[in-house]
Amino acid sequence: MEMKVCQSCSMPLENEEMIGTNQDGSKNGDYCIYCFKDGKFTDGIKTLEEYIEYSLQFAEQAGMTKEQMKEHCQKVLPTLKRWQCTCTDECASGYNSNCTCTSSECHCAEPKQ
């Protein structure tokens, strides 16, 4: 059986206490308690790039150098639900390398500057 991971940070969800909560207090099985509590993301971060930089502070705790952590985050985080855009066919297929959307915030409809 494959270990379930937080769909924001990729931390293994090893037990019930690790699971985040919805606004009504029920468990949200997609996210850990550190990323998602009371129906909201706890970090206030909007973009994947910001989150990768934020994650570097946890490198030592994860047994990695900052460079290793950055590489890990760049590889793994884009595959997680929070950081995937599905608002257009191009984004959902992974062919829009310029997409800056997350699963909770779409920028595809915004006018280009």
C-alpha atoms as a PDB file:
ATOM      1  CA  MET A   1       0.000   0.000   0.000  1.00  0.00           C
ATOM      2  CA  GLU A   2       1.355   3.391  -1.004  1.00  0.00           C
ATOM      3  CA  MET A   3       1.890   5.967   1.770  1.00  0.00           C
ATOM      4  CA  LYS A   4      -0.425   8.959   1.460  1.00  0.00           C
ATOM      5  CA  VAL A   5       1.335  12.336   1.468  1.00  0.00           C
ATOM      6  CA  CYS A   6       0.251  15.909   2.061  1.00  0.00           C
ATOM      7  CA  GLN A   7      -0.823  17.440  -1.243  1.00  0.00           C
ATOM      8  CA  SER A   8       0.865  20.715  -0.342  1.00  0.00           C
ATOM      9  CA  CYS A   9       4.252  19.812   1.178  1.00  0.00           C
ATOM     10  CA  SER A  10       4.632  16.048   0.462  1.00  0.00           C
ATOM     11  CA  MET A  11       5.042  15.107   4.129  1.00  0.00           C
ATOM     12  CA  PRO A  12       3.852  11.536   4.776  1.00  0.00           C
ATOM     13  CA  LEU A  13       0.446  11.385   6.464  1.00  0.00           C
ATOM     14  CA  GLU A  14       1.411   8.593   8.818  1.00  0.00           C
ATOM     15  CA  ASN A  15      -1.466   8.839  11.279  1.00  0.00           C
ATOM     16  CA  GLU A  16      -4.811  10.531  11.931  1.00  0.00           C
ATOM     17  CA  GLU A  17      -3.244  13.306  14.029  1.00  0.00           C
ATOM     18  CA  MET A  18      -1.208  14.464  11.017  1.00  0.00           C
ATOM     19  CA  ILE A  19      -4.292  15.149   8.861  1.00  0.00           C
ATOM     20  CA  GLY A  20      -5.465  18.735   8.324  1.00  0.00           C
ATOM     21  CA  THR A  21      -8.936  20.000   9.152  1.00  0.00           C
ATOM     22  CA  ASN A  22     -11.787  21.638   7.267  1.00  0.00           C
ATOM     23  CA  GLN A  23     -13.596  24.723   8.532  1.00  0.00           C
ATOM     24  CA  ASP A  24     -16.206  22.529  10.251  1.00  0.00           C
ATOM     25  CA  GLY A  25     -13.481  20.585  12.098  1.00  0.00           C
ATOM     26  CA  SER A  26     -13.741  17.450   9.958  1.00  0.00           C
ATOM     27  CA  LYS A  27     -10.550  15.891   8.623  1.00  0.00           C
ATOM     28  CA  ASN A  28      -9.250  16.846   5.169  1.00  0.00           C
ATOM     29  CA  GLY A  29      -7.317  13.804   3.971  1.00  0.00           C
ATOM     30  CA  ASP A  30      -5.437  15.734   1.279  1.00  0.00           C
ATOM     31  CA  TYR A  31      -3.342  17.913   3.573  1.00  0.00           C
ATOM     32  CA  CYS A  32      -1.307  17.750   6.778  1.00  0.00           C
ATOM     33  CA  ILE A  33      -2.177  19.780   9.871  1.00  0.00           C
ATOM     34  CA  TYR A  34       0.892  21.982   9.318  1.00  0.00           C
ATOM     35  CA  CYS A  35      -0.325  23.082   5.861  1.00  0.00           C
ATOM     36  CA  PHE A  36      -4.110  23.100   6.236  1.00  0.00           C
ATOM     37  CA  LYS A  37      -6.088  23.943   9.378  1.00  0.00           C
ATOM     38  CA  ASP A  38      -9.673  25.102   9.874  1.00  0.00           C
ATOM     39  CA  GLY A  39     -10.298  25.075   6.118  1.00  0.00           C
ATOM     40  CA  LYS A  40      -7.361  27.309   5.170  1.00  0.00           C
ATOM     41  CA  PHE A  41      -3.746  26.956   4.180  1.00  0.00           C
ATOM     42  CA  THR A  42      -1.653  28.035   7.148  1.00  0.00           C
ATOM     43  CA  ASP A  43       1.264  29.626   5.290  1.00  0.00           C
ATOM     44  CA  GLY A  44      -0.407  32.410   3.276  1.00  0.00           C
ATOM     45  CA  ILE A  45       1.762  31.541   0.276  1.00  0.00           C
ATOM     46  CA  LYS A  46       0.289  31.997  -3.200  1.00  0.00           C
ATOM     47  CA  THR A  47       2.859  30.577  -5.635  1.00  0.00           C
ATOM     48  CA  LEU A  48       4.874  27.402  -5.952  1.00  0.00           C
ATOM     49  CA  GLU A  49       8.098  29.404  -6.244  1.00  0.00           C
ATOM     50  CA  GLU A  50       7.380  31.157  -2.930  1.00  0.00           C
ATOM     51  CA  TYR A  51       6.596  27.817  -1.308  1.00  0.00           C
ATOM     52  CA  ILE A  52       9.853  26.264  -2.501  1.00  0.00           C
ATOM     53  CA  GLU A  53      11.804  29.134  -0.951  1.00  0.00           C
ATOM     54  CA  TYR A  54       9.735  28.822   2.255  1.00  0.00           C
ATOM     55  CA  SER A  55      10.489  25.074   2.393  1.00  0.00           C
ATOM     56  CA  LEU A  56      14.253  25.579   2.470  1.00  0.00           C
ATOM     57  CA  GLN A  57      14.102  26.364   6.199  1.00  0.00           C
ATOM     58  CA  PHE A  58      13.116  22.714   6.783  1.00  0.00           C
ATOM     59  CA  ALA A  59      16.065  21.214   4.876  1.00  0.00           C
ATOM     60  CA  GLU A  60      18.100  20.256   7.928  1.00  0.00           C
ATOM     61  CA  GLN A  61      15.048  18.762   9.656  1.00  0.00           C
ATOM     62  CA  ALA A  62      14.493  16.630   6.528  1.00  0.00           C
ATOM     63  CA  GLY A  63      18.148  15.536   6.499  1.00  0.00           C
ATOM     64  CA  MET A  64      19.049  17.516   3.370  1.00  0.00           C
ATOM     65  CA  THR A  65      21.145  20.467   2.365  1.00  0.00           C
ATOM     66  CA  LYS A  66      19.243  23.527   1.132  1.00  0.00           C
ATOM     67  CA  GLU A  67      20.322  22.690  -2.412  1.00  0.00           C
ATOM     68  CA  GLN A  68      19.007  19.119  -2.075  1.00  0.00           C
ATOM     69  CA  MET A  69      15.759  20.403  -0.570  1.00  0.00           C
ATOM     70  CA  LYS A  70      15.277  22.876  -3.407  1.00  0.00           C
ATOM     71  CA  GLU A  71      15.872  20.160  -5.995  1.00  0.00           C
ATOM     72  CA  HIS A  72      13.471  17.817  -4.179  1.00  0.00           C
ATOM     73  CA  CYS A  73      10.782  20.501  -3.985  1.00  0.00           C
ATOM     74  CA  GLN A  74      11.164  21.445  -7.650  1.00  0.00           C
ATOM     75  CA  LYS A  75      10.692  17.804  -8.608  1.00  0.00           C
ATOM     76  CA  VAL A  76       7.929  16.728  -6.202  1.00  0.00           C
ATOM     77  CA  LEU A  77       5.767  19.749  -5.357  1.00  0.00           C
ATOM     78  CA  PRO A  78       4.476  20.417  -8.904  1.00  0.00           C
ATOM     79  CA  THR A  79       2.931  16.926  -8.845  1.00  0.00           C
ATOM     80  CA  LEU A  80       0.835  17.683  -5.741  1.00  0.00           C
ATOM     81  CA  LYS A  81      -2.809  18.810  -5.782  1.00  0.00           C
ATOM     82  CA  ARG A  82      -2.252  22.264  -4.263  1.00  0.00           C
ATOM     83  CA  TRP A  83       0.200  23.248  -6.973  1.00  0.00           C
ATOM     84  CA  GLN A  84      -1.562  21.822 -10.023  1.00  0.00           C
ATOM     85  CA  CYS A  85      -3.660  23.930 -12.323  1.00  0.00           C
ATOM     86  CA  THR A  86      -6.543  22.282 -14.134  1.00  0.00           C
ATOM     87  CA  CYS A  87      -8.431  25.383 -15.249  1.00  0.00           C
ATOM     88  CA  THR A  88      -7.578  24.971 -18.939  1.00  0.00           C
ATOM     89  CA  ASP A  89      -6.879  21.903 -21.046  1.00  0.00           C
ATOM     90  CA  GLU A  90      -3.385  23.208 -21.757  1.00  0.00           C
ATOM     91  CA  CYS A  91      -2.598  23.560 -18.040  1.00  0.00           C
ATOM     92  CA  ALA A  92      -4.198  20.245 -17.063  1.00  0.00           C
ATOM     93  CA  SER A  93      -2.123  18.417 -19.653  1.00  0.00           C
ATOM     94  CA  GLY A  94       1.079  19.912 -18.263  1.00  0.00           C
ATOM     95  CA  TYR A  95       1.968  21.682 -21.501  1.00  0.00           C
ATOM     96  CA  ASN A  96       1.676  25.233 -20.184  1.00  0.00           C
ATOM     97  CA  SER A  97       5.090  25.831 -18.659  1.00  0.00           C
ATOM     98  CA  ASN A  98       4.200  29.492 -18.006  1.00  0.00           C
ATOM     99  CA  CYS A  99       1.173  28.687 -15.860  1.00  0.00           C
ATOM    100  CA  THR A 100       1.345  30.253 -12.398  1.00  0.00           C
ATOM    101  CA  CYS A 101      -2.000  28.908 -11.164  1.00  0.00           C
ATOM    102  CA  THR A 102      -2.545  26.673  -8.177  1.00  0.00           C
ATOM    103  CA  SER A 103      -5.506  24.412  -7.558  1.00  0.00           C
ATOM    104  CA  SER A 104      -7.088  27.174  -5.478  1.00  0.00           C
ATOM    105  CA  GLU A 105      -6.196  30.230  -7.559  1.00  0.00           C
ATOM    106  CA  CYS A 106      -6.490  30.636 -11.345  1.00  0.00           C
ATOM    107  CA  HIS A 107      -4.504  33.223 -13.286  1.00  0.00           C
ATOM    108  CA  CYS A 108      -5.267  31.908 -16.780  1.00  0.00           C
ATOM    109  CA  ALA A 109      -8.238  34.242 -17.202  1.00  0.00           C
ATOM    110  CA  GLU A 110      -6.222  37.293 -16.139  1.00  0.00           C
ATOM    111  CA  PRO A 111      -5.221  39.668 -18.934  1.00  0.00           C
ATOM    112  CA  LYS A 112      -1.606  39.400 -20.060  1.00  0.00           C
ATOM    113  CA  GLN A 113       0.472  42.489 -19.241  1.00  0.00           C
END
